[in-house]
Amino acid sequence: QIGNATNKDLLGVVAAAEQTIFKGETFQLKGLELRSLLTSTHEFMTYEGSLPFPPCHETVTWIILNHPIMITETEVSLRKKS
Protein backbone atom coordinates (compact mmCIF):
# COMPACT_ATOMS: atom_id res chain seq x y z
CA GLN A 1 0.00 0.00 0.00
CA ILE A 2 1.32 3.46 -0.83
CA GLY A 3 1.78 5.63 2.25
CA ASN A 4 4.36 7.57 4.23
CA ALA A 5 6.16 4.56 5.70
CA THR A 6 8.87 2.59 3.95
CA ASN A 7 10.08 -0.98 4.12
CA LYS A 8 13.64 -1.58 2.89
CA ASP A 9 13.20 -5.35 3.09
CA LEU A 10 10.24 -5.26 0.73
CA LEU A 11 12.30 -3.26 -1.77
CA GLY A 12 15.03 -5.90 -1.60
CA VAL A 13 12.55 -8.66 -2.35
CA VAL A 14 11.12 -6.74 -5.32
CA ALA A 15 14.59 -6.01 -6.74
CA ALA A 16 15.60 -9.67 -6.47
CA ALA A 17 12.33 -10.89 -7.98
CA GLU A 18 12.96 -8.76 -11.05
CA GLN A 19 16.12 -10.80 -11.70
CA THR A 20 14.39 -14.21 -11.41
CA ILE A 21 13.45 -15.71 -14.76
CA PHE A 22 13.11 -19.49 -14.48
CA LYS A 23 10.93 -21.57 -12.17
CA GLY A 24 13.10 -23.14 -9.47
CA GLU A 25 15.76 -20.44 -9.81
CA THR A 26 16.90 -19.11 -6.45
CA PHE A 27 18.70 -16.05 -5.17
CA GLN A 28 20.06 -14.98 -1.80
CA LEU A 29 18.85 -11.86 -0.05
CA LYS A 30 21.57 -10.82 2.35
CA GLY A 31 20.35 -9.03 5.45
CA LEU A 32 16.66 -9.66 4.76
CA GLU A 33 14.51 -9.57 7.88
CA LEU A 34 11.31 -11.47 7.07
CA ARG A 35 9.93 -10.49 10.45
CA SER A 36 9.85 -6.88 9.23
CA LEU A 37 7.46 -7.99 6.48
CA LEU A 38 5.35 -10.14 8.80
CA THR A 39 5.41 -8.03 11.96
CA SER A 40 1.72 -8.03 12.78
CA THR A 41 0.42 -11.19 11.18
CA HIS A 42 0.50 -14.90 11.67
CA GLU A 43 -1.95 -15.55 8.84
CA PHE A 44 -1.21 -15.57 5.13
CA MET A 45 -2.00 -17.48 1.93
CA THR A 46 0.26 -18.51 -0.95
CA TYR A 47 -0.28 -19.37 -4.59
CA GLU A 48 1.88 -20.08 -7.64
CA GLY A 49 1.77 -17.40 -10.30
CA SER A 50 3.68 -15.20 -12.70
CA LEU A 51 5.56 -11.92 -12.59
CA PRO A 52 3.20 -8.96 -13.10
CA PHE A 53 5.46 -7.39 -15.74
CA PRO A 54 6.77 -8.65 -19.09
CA PRO A 55 7.94 -11.23 -19.85
CA CYS A 56 5.56 -12.54 -17.12
CA HIS A 57 7.50 -15.72 -16.34
CA GLU A 58 5.64 -18.15 -14.09
CA THR A 59 8.32 -18.18 -11.39
CA VAL A 60 6.62 -16.60 -8.40
CA THR A 61 5.10 -17.97 -5.24
CA TRP A 62 2.90 -15.08 -4.13
CA ILE A 63 2.40 -14.52 -0.39
CA ILE A 64 -0.84 -12.75 0.49
CA LEU A 65 -0.78 -11.16 3.94
CA ASN A 66 -3.79 -10.19 6.02
CA HIS A 67 -2.50 -6.60 6.31
CA PRO A 68 -0.84 -4.18 3.87
CA ILE A 69 2.90 -3.53 3.70
CA MET A 70 3.64 0.16 3.23
CA ILE A 71 5.85 1.71 0.53
CA THR A 72 6.26 5.35 -0.45
CA GLU A 73 5.28 6.85 -3.81
CA THR A 74 8.96 7.69 -4.42
CA GLU A 75 9.97 4.05 -3.97
CA VAL A 76 7.25 2.93 -6.36
CA SER A 77 8.56 5.40 -8.95
CA LEU A 78 12.13 4.14 -8.51
CA ARG A 79 11.00 0.53 -9.11
CA LYS A 80 9.14 1.55 -12.27
CA LYS A 81 12.27 3.22 -13.67
CA SER A 82 14.61 0.27 -13.08
PDB file of N, CA and C in Angstrom:
ATOM      1  N   GLN A   1       0.849  -1.159   0.000  1.00  0.00           N
ATOM      2  CA  GLN A   1       0.000   0.000   0.000  1.00  0.00           C
ATOM      3  C   GLN A   1       0.895   1.223   0.000  1.00  0.00           C
ATOM      4  N   ILE A   2       0.536   2.234  -0.780  1.00  0.00           N
ATOM      5  CA  ILE A   2       1.322   3.461  -0.831  1.00  0.00           C
ATOM      6  C   ILE A   2       0.957   4.330   0.360  1.00  0.00           C
ATOM      7  N   GLY A   3       1.983   4.789   1.071  1.00  0.00           N
ATOM      8  CA  GLY A   3       1.783   5.626   2.245  1.00  0.00           C
ATOM      9  C   GLY A   3       3.046   6.394   2.559  1.00  0.00           C
ATOM     10  N   ASN A   4       3.196   6.797   3.808  1.00  0.00           N
ATOM     11  CA  ASN A   4       4.360   7.568   4.233  1.00  0.00           C
ATOM     12  C   ASN A   4       5.473   6.695   4.789  1.00  0.00           C
ATOM     13  N   ALA A   5       5.162   5.463   5.116  1.00  0.00           N
ATOM     14  CA  ALA A   5       6.158   4.560   5.696  1.00  0.00           C
ATOM     15  C   ALA A   5       6.903   3.831   4.585  1.00  0.00           C
ATOM     16  N   THR A   6       8.068   3.331   4.913  1.00  0.00           N
ATOM     17  CA  THR A   6       8.871   2.592   3.946  1.00  0.00           C
ATOM     18  C   THR A   6       9.266   1.243   4.532  1.00  0.00           C
ATOM     19  N   ASN A   7       9.638   0.327   3.670  1.00  0.00           N
ATOM     20  CA  ASN A   7      10.080  -0.984   4.122  1.00  0.00           C
ATOM     21  C   ASN A   7      11.228  -1.435   3.227  1.00  0.00           C
ATOM     22  N   LYS A   8      12.460  -1.262   3.697  1.00  0.00           N
ATOM     23  CA  LYS A   8      13.644  -1.583   2.891  1.00  0.00           C
ATOM     24  C   LYS A   8      13.692  -3.062   2.526  1.00  0.00           C
ATOM     25  N   ASP A   9      13.177  -3.920   3.383  1.00  0.00           N
ATOM     26  CA  ASP A   9      13.203  -5.351   3.093  1.00  0.00           C
ATOM     27  C   ASP A   9      12.279  -5.696   1.930  1.00  0.00           C
ATOM     28  N   LEU A  10      11.141  -5.034   1.851  1.00  0.00           N
ATOM     29  CA  LEU A  10      10.238  -5.261   0.728  1.00  0.00           C
ATOM     30  C   LEU A  10      10.904  -4.837  -0.573  1.00  0.00           C
ATOM     31  N   LEU A  11      11.604  -3.721  -0.570  1.00  0.00           N
ATOM     32  CA  LEU A  11      12.296  -3.259  -1.771  1.00  0.00           C
ATOM     33  C   LEU A  11      13.354  -4.261  -2.217  1.00  0.00           C
ATOM     34  N   GLY A  12      14.037  -4.878  -1.266  1.00  0.00           N
ATOM     35  CA  GLY A  12      15.030  -5.900  -1.599  1.00  0.00           C
ATOM     36  C   GLY A  12      14.408  -7.112  -2.258  1.00  0.00           C
ATOM     37  N   VAL A  13      13.254  -7.518  -1.772  1.00  0.00           N
ATOM     38  CA  VAL A  13      12.549  -8.661  -2.352  1.00  0.00           C
ATOM     39  C   VAL A  13      12.118  -8.335  -3.781  1.00  0.00           C
ATOM     40  N   VAL A  14      11.573  -7.143  -3.983  1.00  0.00           N
ATOM     41  CA  VAL A  14      11.124  -6.737  -5.316  1.00  0.00           C
ATOM     42  C   VAL A  14      12.296  -6.692  -6.289  1.00  0.00           C
ATOM     43  N   ALA A  15      13.408  -6.106  -5.874  1.00  0.00           N
ATOM     44  CA  ALA A  15      14.587  -6.010  -6.742  1.00  0.00           C
ATOM     45  C   ALA A  15      15.097  -7.396  -7.126  1.00  0.00           C
ATOM     46  N   ALA A  16      15.132  -8.310  -6.179  1.00  0.00           N
ATOM     47  CA  ALA A  16      15.604  -9.669  -6.466  1.00  0.00           C
ATOM     48  C   ALA A  16      14.623 -10.408  -7.371  1.00  0.00           C
ATOM     49  N   ALA A  17      13.340 -10.213  -7.167  1.00  0.00           N
ATOM     50  CA  ALA A  17      12.330 -10.891  -7.984  1.00  0.00           C
ATOM     51  C   ALA A  17      12.432 -10.477  -9.444  1.00  0.00           C
ATOM     52  N   GLU A  18      12.824  -9.239  -9.681  1.00  0.00           N
ATOM     53  CA  GLU A  18      12.957  -8.761 -11.054  1.00  0.00           C
ATOM     54  C   GLU A  18      14.078  -9.481 -11.802  1.00  0.00           C
ATOM     55  N   GLN A  19      14.995 -10.099 -11.078  1.00  0.00           N
ATOM     56  CA  GLN A  19      16.115 -10.803 -11.702  1.00  0.00           C
ATOM     57  C   GLN A  19      15.837 -12.297 -11.876  1.00  0.00           C
ATOM     58  N   THR A  20      14.723 -12.785 -11.355  1.00  0.00           N
ATOM     59  CA  THR A  20      14.393 -14.207 -11.414  1.00  0.00           C
ATOM     60  C   THR A  20      13.604 -14.490 -12.683  1.00  0.00           C
ATOM     61  N   ILE A  21      14.090 -15.429 -13.482  1.00  0.00           N
ATOM     62  CA  ILE A  21      13.450 -15.712 -14.761  1.00  0.00           C
ATOM     63  C   ILE A  21      12.835 -17.105 -14.802  1.00  0.00           C
ATOM     64  N   PHE A  22      13.549 -18.110 -14.309  1.00  0.00           N
ATOM     65  CA  PHE A  22      13.108 -19.489 -14.475  1.00  0.00           C
ATOM     66  C   PHE A  22      12.556 -20.076 -13.185  1.00  0.00           C
ATOM     67  N   LYS A  23      11.509 -20.881 -13.315  1.00  0.00           N
ATOM     68  CA  LYS A  23      10.933 -21.574 -12.172  1.00  0.00           C
ATOM     69  C   LYS A  23      12.009 -22.435 -11.525  1.00  0.00           C
ATOM     70  N   GLY A  24      12.098 -22.390 -10.210  1.00  0.00           N
ATOM     71  CA  GLY A  24      13.102 -23.142  -9.474  1.00  0.00           C
ATOM     72  C   GLY A  24      14.403 -22.387  -9.275  1.00  0.00           C
ATOM     73  N   GLU A  25      14.556 -21.267  -9.968  1.00  0.00           N
ATOM     74  CA  GLU A  25      15.756 -20.445  -9.806  1.00  0.00           C
ATOM     75  C   GLU A  25      15.716 -19.787  -8.427  1.00  0.00           C
ATOM     76  N   THR A  26      16.847 -19.702  -7.786  1.00  0.00           N
ATOM     77  CA  THR A  26      16.902 -19.106  -6.452  1.00  0.00           C
ATOM     78  C   THR A  26      17.893 -17.954  -6.421  1.00  0.00           C
ATOM     79  N   PHE A  27      17.776 -17.154  -5.396  1.00  0.00           N
ATOM     80  CA  PHE A  27      18.696 -16.053  -5.165  1.00  0.00           C
ATOM     81  C   PHE A  27      18.784 -15.836  -3.671  1.00  0.00           C
ATOM     82  N   GLN A  28      19.856 -15.215  -3.231  1.00  0.00           N
ATOM     83  CA  GLN A  28      20.057 -14.975  -1.804  1.00  0.00           C
ATOM     84  C   GLN A  28      19.860 -13.497  -1.506  1.00  0.00           C
ATOM     85  N   LEU A  29      19.062 -13.232  -0.505  1.00  0.00           N
ATOM     86  CA  LEU A  29      18.849 -11.864  -0.046  1.00  0.00           C
ATOM     87  C   LEU A  29      19.624 -11.679   1.245  1.00  0.00           C
ATOM     88  N   LYS A  30      20.745 -11.029   1.160  1.00  0.00           N
ATOM     89  CA  LYS A  30      21.569 -10.822   2.349  1.00  0.00           C
ATOM     90  C   LYS A  30      20.958  -9.732   3.218  1.00  0.00           C
ATOM     91  N   GLY A  31      20.858 -10.018   4.503  1.00  0.00           N
ATOM     92  CA  GLY A  31      20.351  -9.032   5.449  1.00  0.00           C
ATOM     93  C   GLY A  31      18.842  -8.877   5.461  1.00  0.00           C
ATOM     94  N   LEU A  32      18.113  -9.750   4.782  1.00  0.00           N
ATOM     95  CA  LEU A  32      16.657  -9.657   4.758  1.00  0.00           C
ATOM     96  C   LEU A  32      16.086 -10.071   6.103  1.00  0.00           C
ATOM     97  N   GLU A  33      15.202  -9.266   6.627  1.00  0.00           N
ATOM     98  CA  GLU A  33      14.509  -9.566   7.878  1.00  0.00           C
ATOM     99  C   GLU A  33      13.044  -9.854   7.554  1.00  0.00           C
ATOM    100  N   LEU A  34      12.698 -11.128   7.380  1.00  0.00           N
ATOM    101  CA  LEU A  34      11.315 -11.474   7.069  1.00  0.00           C
ATOM    102  C   LEU A  34      10.353 -10.999   8.144  1.00  0.00           C
ATOM    103  N   ARG A  35      10.819 -10.950   9.365  1.00  0.00           N
ATOM    104  CA  ARG A  35       9.933 -10.487  10.445  1.00  0.00           C
ATOM    105  C   ARG A  35       9.468  -9.058  10.212  1.00  0.00           C
ATOM    106  N   SER A  36      10.270  -8.257   9.511  1.00  0.00           N
ATOM    107  CA  SER A  36       9.846  -6.883   9.232  1.00  0.00           C
ATOM    108  C   SER A  36       8.699  -6.859   8.230  1.00  0.00           C
ATOM    109  N   LEU A  37       8.576  -7.896   7.414  1.00  0.00           N
ATOM    110  CA  LEU A  37       7.456  -7.986   6.481  1.00  0.00           C
ATOM    111  C   LEU A  37       6.223  -8.596   7.138  1.00  0.00           C
ATOM    112  N   LEU A  38       6.444  -9.393   8.164  1.00  0.00           N
ATOM    113  CA  LEU A  38       5.353 -10.138   8.798  1.00  0.00           C
ATOM    114  C   LEU A  38       5.140  -9.723  10.247  1.00  0.00           C
ATOM    115  N   THR A  39       5.403  -8.466  10.567  1.00  0.00           N
ATOM    116  CA  THR A  39       5.410  -8.029  11.961  1.00  0.00           C
ATOM    117  C   THR A  39       4.093  -8.235  12.692  1.00  0.00           C
ATOM    118  N   SER A  40       2.978  -7.981  12.042  1.00  0.00           N
ATOM    119  CA  SER A  40       1.715  -8.031  12.780  1.00  0.00           C
ATOM    120  C   SER A  40       0.763  -9.107  12.261  1.00  0.00           C
ATOM    121  N   THR A  41       1.300 -10.147  11.681  1.00  0.00           N
ATOM    122  CA  THR A  41       0.417 -11.191  11.179  1.00  0.00           C
ATOM    123  C   THR A  41       1.000 -12.574  11.429  1.00  0.00           C
ATOM    124  N   HIS A  42       0.118 -13.496  11.610  1.00  0.00           N
ATOM    125  CA  HIS A  42       0.498 -14.902  11.667  1.00  0.00           C
ATOM    126  C   HIS A  42      -0.300 -15.663  10.618  1.00  0.00           C
ATOM    127  N   GLU A  43      -1.094 -14.926   9.833  1.00  0.00           N
ATOM    128  CA  GLU A  43      -1.949 -15.546   8.837  1.00  0.00           C
ATOM    129  C   GLU A  43      -1.605 -15.021   7.451  1.00  0.00           C
ATOM    130  N   PHE A  44      -1.465 -15.942   6.511  1.00  0.00           N
ATOM    131  CA  PHE A  44      -1.209 -15.571   5.127  1.00  0.00           C
ATOM    132  C   PHE A  44      -1.593 -16.735   4.224  1.00  0.00           C
ATOM    133  N   MET A  45      -1.719 -16.459   2.932  1.00  0.00           N
ATOM    134  CA  MET A  45      -2.001 -17.482   1.930  1.00  0.00           C
ATOM    135  C   MET A  45      -0.903 -17.416   0.880  1.00  0.00           C
ATOM    136  N   THR A  46      -0.688 -18.504   0.156  1.00  0.00           N
ATOM    137  CA  THR A  46       0.265 -18.508  -0.952  1.00  0.00           C
ATOM    138  C   THR A  46      -0.387 -19.115  -2.187  1.00  0.00           C
ATOM    139  N   TYR A  47       0.106 -18.716  -3.349  1.00  0.00           N
ATOM    140  CA  TYR A  47      -0.283 -19.368  -4.594  1.00  0.00           C
ATOM    141  C   TYR A  47       0.822 -19.191  -5.627  1.00  0.00           C
ATOM    142  N   GLU A  48       0.893 -20.130  -6.563  1.00  0.00           N
ATOM    143  CA  GLU A  48       1.883 -20.083  -7.637  1.00  0.00           C
ATOM    144  C   GLU A  48       1.347 -19.191  -8.745  1.00  0.00           C
ATOM    145  N   GLY A  49       2.206 -18.302  -9.254  1.00  0.00           N
ATOM    146  CA  GLY A  49       1.766 -17.397 -10.305  1.00  0.00           C
ATOM    147  C   GLY A  49       2.922 -16.878 -11.132  1.00  0.00           C
ATOM    148  N   SER A  50       2.676 -15.765 -11.807  1.00  0.00           N
ATOM    149  CA  SER A  50       3.676 -15.197 -12.702  1.00  0.00           C
ATOM    150  C   SER A  50       4.056 -13.793 -12.261  1.00  0.00           C
ATOM    151  N   LEU A  51       5.153 -13.303 -12.831  1.00  0.00           N
ATOM    152  CA  LEU A  51       5.560 -11.924 -12.591  1.00  0.00           C
ATOM    153  C   LEU A  51       4.514 -10.999 -13.202  1.00  0.00           C
ATOM    154  N   PRO A  52       4.238  -9.848 -12.585  1.00  0.00           N
ATOM    155  CA  PRO A  52       3.201  -8.955 -13.097  1.00  0.00           C
ATOM    156  C   PRO A  52       3.699  -7.994 -14.172  1.00  0.00           C
ATOM    157  N   PHE A  53       4.892  -8.249 -14.702  1.00  0.00           N
ATOM    158  CA  PHE A  53       5.455  -7.386 -15.743  1.00  0.00           C
ATOM    159  C   PHE A  53       6.121  -8.280 -16.783  1.00  0.00           C
ATOM    160  N   PRO A  54       6.168  -7.830 -18.038  1.00  0.00           N
ATOM    161  CA  PRO A  54       6.771  -8.651 -19.089  1.00  0.00           C
ATOM    162  C   PRO A  54       8.197  -9.027 -18.740  1.00  0.00           C
ATOM    163  N   PRO A  55       8.593 -10.211 -19.025  1.00  0.00           N
ATOM    164  CA  PRO A  55       7.942 -11.229 -19.850  1.00  0.00           C
ATOM    165  C   PRO A  55       6.992 -12.148 -19.086  1.00  0.00           C
ATOM    166  N   CYS A  56       6.591 -11.815 -17.877  1.00  0.00           N
ATOM    167  CA  CYS A  56       5.562 -12.536 -17.118  1.00  0.00           C
ATOM    168  C   CYS A  56       5.871 -14.021 -16.905  1.00  0.00           C
ATOM    169  N   HIS A  57       7.119 -14.334 -16.612  1.00  0.00           N
ATOM    170  CA  HIS A  57       7.504 -15.722 -16.341  1.00  0.00           C
ATOM    171  C   HIS A  57       6.740 -16.256 -15.132  1.00  0.00           C
ATOM    172  N   GLU A  58       6.367 -17.514 -15.180  1.00  0.00           N
ATOM    173  CA  GLU A  58       5.636 -18.155 -14.086  1.00  0.00           C
ATOM    174  C   GLU A  58       6.627 -18.703 -13.071  1.00  0.00           C
ATOM    175  N   THR A  59       7.251 -17.806 -12.316  1.00  0.00           N
ATOM    176  CA  THR A  59       8.324 -18.177 -11.393  1.00  0.00           C
ATOM    177  C   THR A  59       8.062 -17.736  -9.964  1.00  0.00           C
ATOM    178  N   VAL A  60       6.875 -17.252  -9.676  1.00  0.00           N
ATOM    179  CA  VAL A  60       6.623 -16.600  -8.397  1.00  0.00           C
ATOM    180  C   VAL A  60       5.700 -17.428  -7.514  1.00  0.00           C
ATOM    181  N   THR A  61       6.047 -17.517  -6.247  1.00  0.00           N
ATOM    182  CA  THR A  61       5.102 -17.968  -5.238  1.00  0.00           C
ATOM    183  C   THR A  61       4.657 -16.710  -4.508  1.00  0.00           C
ATOM    184  N   TRP A  62       3.422 -16.296  -4.746  1.00  0.00           N
ATOM    185  CA  TRP A  62       2.898 -15.081  -4.127  1.00  0.00           C
ATOM    186  C   TRP A  62       2.490 -15.365  -2.690  1.00  0.00           C
ATOM    187  N   ILE A  63       2.790 -14.440  -1.799  1.00  0.00           N
ATOM    188  CA  ILE A  63       2.399 -14.525  -0.393  1.00  0.00           C
ATOM    189  C   ILE A  63       1.419 -13.391  -0.141  1.00  0.00           C
ATOM    190  N   ILE A  64       0.204 -13.733   0.237  1.00  0.00           N
ATOM    191  CA  ILE A  64      -0.844 -12.748   0.488  1.00  0.00           C
ATOM    192  C   ILE A  64      -1.010 -12.609   1.994  1.00  0.00           C
ATOM    193  N   LEU A  65      -0.688 -11.422   2.503  1.00  0.00           N
ATOM    194  CA  LEU A  65      -0.778 -11.155   3.940  1.00  0.00           C
ATOM    195  C   LEU A  65      -2.165 -10.646   4.298  1.00  0.00           C
ATOM    196  N   ASN A  66      -2.492 -10.695   5.577  1.00  0.00           N
ATOM    197  CA  ASN A  66      -3.793 -10.193   6.016  1.00  0.00           C
ATOM    198  C   ASN A  66      -3.726  -8.725   6.433  1.00  0.00           C
ATOM    199  N   HIS A  67      -2.625  -8.037   6.084  1.00  0.00           N
ATOM    200  CA  HIS A  67      -2.503  -6.596   6.313  1.00  0.00           C
ATOM    201  C   HIS A  67      -1.567  -6.027   5.253  1.00  0.00           C
ATOM    202  N   PRO A  68      -1.700  -4.751   4.906  1.00  0.00           N
ATOM    203  CA  PRO A  68      -0.837  -4.178   3.868  1.00  0.00           C
ATOM    204  C   PRO A  68       0.578  -3.913   4.368  1.00  0.00           C
ATOM    205  N   ILE A  69       1.530  -3.964   3.442  1.00  0.00           N
ATOM    206  CA  ILE A  69       2.900  -3.528   3.700  1.00  0.00           C
ATOM    207  C   ILE A  69       3.035  -2.168   3.031  1.00  0.00           C
ATOM    208  N   MET A  70       3.574  -1.206   3.731  1.00  0.00           N
ATOM    209  CA  MET A  70       3.642   0.160   3.232  1.00  0.00           C
ATOM    210  C   MET A  70       4.893   0.397   2.388  1.00  0.00           C
ATOM    211  N   ILE A  71       4.749   1.257   1.371  1.00  0.00           N
ATOM    212  CA  ILE A  71       5.854   1.706   0.533  1.00  0.00           C
ATOM    213  C   ILE A  71       5.520   3.133   0.095  1.00  0.00           C
ATOM    214  N   THR A  72       6.523   3.963  -0.077  1.00  0.00           N
ATOM    215  CA  THR A  72       6.264   5.352  -0.449  1.00  0.00           C
ATOM    216  C   THR A  72       6.090   5.489  -1.960  1.00  0.00           C
ATOM    217  N   GLU A  73       5.468   6.566  -2.386  1.00  0.00           N
ATOM    218  CA  GLU A  73       5.285   6.852  -3.809  1.00  0.00           C
ATOM    219  C   GLU A  73       6.631   6.966  -4.516  1.00  0.00           C
ATOM    220  N   THR A  74       7.619   7.559  -3.851  1.00  0.00           N
ATOM    221  CA  THR A  74       8.962   7.694  -4.423  1.00  0.00           C
ATOM    222  C   THR A  74       9.569   6.330  -4.706  1.00  0.00           C
ATOM    223  N   GLU A  75       9.425   5.393  -3.781  1.00  0.00           N
ATOM    224  CA  GLU A  75       9.971   4.051  -3.969  1.00  0.00           C
ATOM    225  C   GLU A  75       9.272   3.316  -5.108  1.00  0.00           C
ATOM    226  N   VAL A  76       7.977   3.528  -5.249  1.00  0.00           N
ATOM    227  CA  VAL A  76       7.246   2.928  -6.361  1.00  0.00           C
ATOM    228  C   VAL A  76       7.791   3.474  -7.677  1.00  0.00           C
ATOM    229  N   SER A  77       8.024   4.775  -7.738  1.00  0.00           N
ATOM    230  CA  SER A  77       8.561   5.402  -8.949  1.00  0.00           C
ATOM    231  C   SER A  77       9.942   4.867  -9.286  1.00  0.00           C
ATOM    232  N   LEU A  78      10.790   4.672  -8.280  1.00  0.00           N
ATOM    233  CA  LEU A  78      12.128   4.136  -8.514  1.00  0.00           C
ATOM    234  C   LEU A  78      12.056   2.732  -9.091  1.00  0.00           C
ATOM    235  N   ARG A  79      11.138   1.904  -8.614  1.00  0.00           N
ATOM    236  CA  ARG A  79      10.997   0.532  -9.108  1.00  0.00           C
ATOM    237  C   ARG A  79      10.529   0.549 -10.562  1.00  0.00           C
ATOM    238  N   LYS A  80       9.653   1.486 -10.900  1.00  0.00           N
ATOM    239  CA  LYS A  80       9.141   1.552 -12.269  1.00  0.00           C
ATOM    240  C   LYS A  80      10.231   1.947 -13.250  1.00  0.00           C
ATOM    241  N   LYS A  81      11.202   2.749 -12.799  1.00  0.00           N
ATOM    242  CA  LYS A  81      12.275   3.224 -13.673  1.00  0.00           C
ATOM    243  C   LYS A  81      13.351   2.180 -13.892  1.00  0.00           C
ATOM    244  N   SER A  82      13.512   1.241 -12.955  1.00  0.00           N
ATOM    245  CA  SER A  82      14.607   0.267 -13.078  1.00  0.00           C
ATOM    246  C   SER A  82      14.229  -0.915 -13.933  1.00  0.00           C
TER     247      SER A  82
END
